[in-house]
Amino acid sequence: MQALRVSHLTKYTFANFVTLQPHQLMLRPREGHDIRILSSRLEISPAHSVRWHRDVYNNSVATVNFEAAANRLSINSEVTLEHYDEDPLDFVVADYAVHYPFRYQPREEGDLAPCLAPNYPADHGTLNDWLNDSGLVQHDMQTYVLLDRLTQWIANNFSYRMREEPGVQSPGETLALGSGSCRDFAALFMEACKQLQLACRFVSGYLHAPSTEVGNGSTHAWAEVYLPGPGWKGFDPTIGELTANRHIPVAVARHPEWAPPVAGSFVGSAQTPRLTVDVQVSPL
């Protein structure tokens, strides 16, 4: 078991007073048999009210409504938790899915259909060529081996680039550029899995690493694949790892652009606000 503290500070500074529209926050980690939240604190300025709900993916979502105009917005989330996923390889794939290719059982196919449908259908040909040229897929190989090779291939053959601009590169753009951010690599991995008829979804969260212990970090992104037997298993194509107790999932979605930590708008100044984000993940 590993005990961790996650601090996530987001600040917007506006040139003039603005009217803040409702904001949605996805900052609370997903609890389960592997993650237990010990405490959580959410501090927001200016004056506001908060309502929590679960969305269609069972993510914890806070909707914030503001009471007055402001020239600053500060959102500070601090969570302490226990993470129990210490042996990510301790799982057993159902017999019929051990080797690729396989087909999901009929009772699963309906629920998994949205996670099998491509997010970027225009990139189908480019992805198909890349998968064939890379030699990643071989006849009658183990499903986990295929996923592990795909994860490591992206990590080892693309250059990581932190991007401040919003949005996600399409898989075709990432292949053409040979570089991208963690969310871009997750989008590429997802679309490749869907091309191979493996159900996949996007994950936004935090990563515990030496660099995140000192602060000045950011959120992280990876993907989960549905494997009959263990269920949703996380793969991180940015660092080439199966996810474990270093990864703290916050939100899942079937499209990479549907799980932002902070989403909202404002009415007022025409100037783009100054944004500061500081994420710190440290052991207790």
Foldseek 3Di string as FASTA:
>chain_A
DFKKKKKKKKKWAAPDWWAWAKKKFQADFDDDPFKDWPDKDKDKDDDWDWDWDADPQRFIMIIIHHDDIDRMIMIIMMTMMGGHFPDQPPFDFPPQQQWPDHDDDPVCCVVLVLLLDAPCVVCLVVLVVVCVVVVLDDPGHTPVSSLLSLLQCLQPFAAEDDDPDDDEDALVVCVVVSYYHQLNSQNVSSNNCSSSVWGKKKFKADFDDPVQQVKPDDIGIWMWTQGHGVGTWTGRSNNSDTDGRRTTTRDIDSDSNPRDRMDTDIDDDPDGIDMGMMMHMHTD
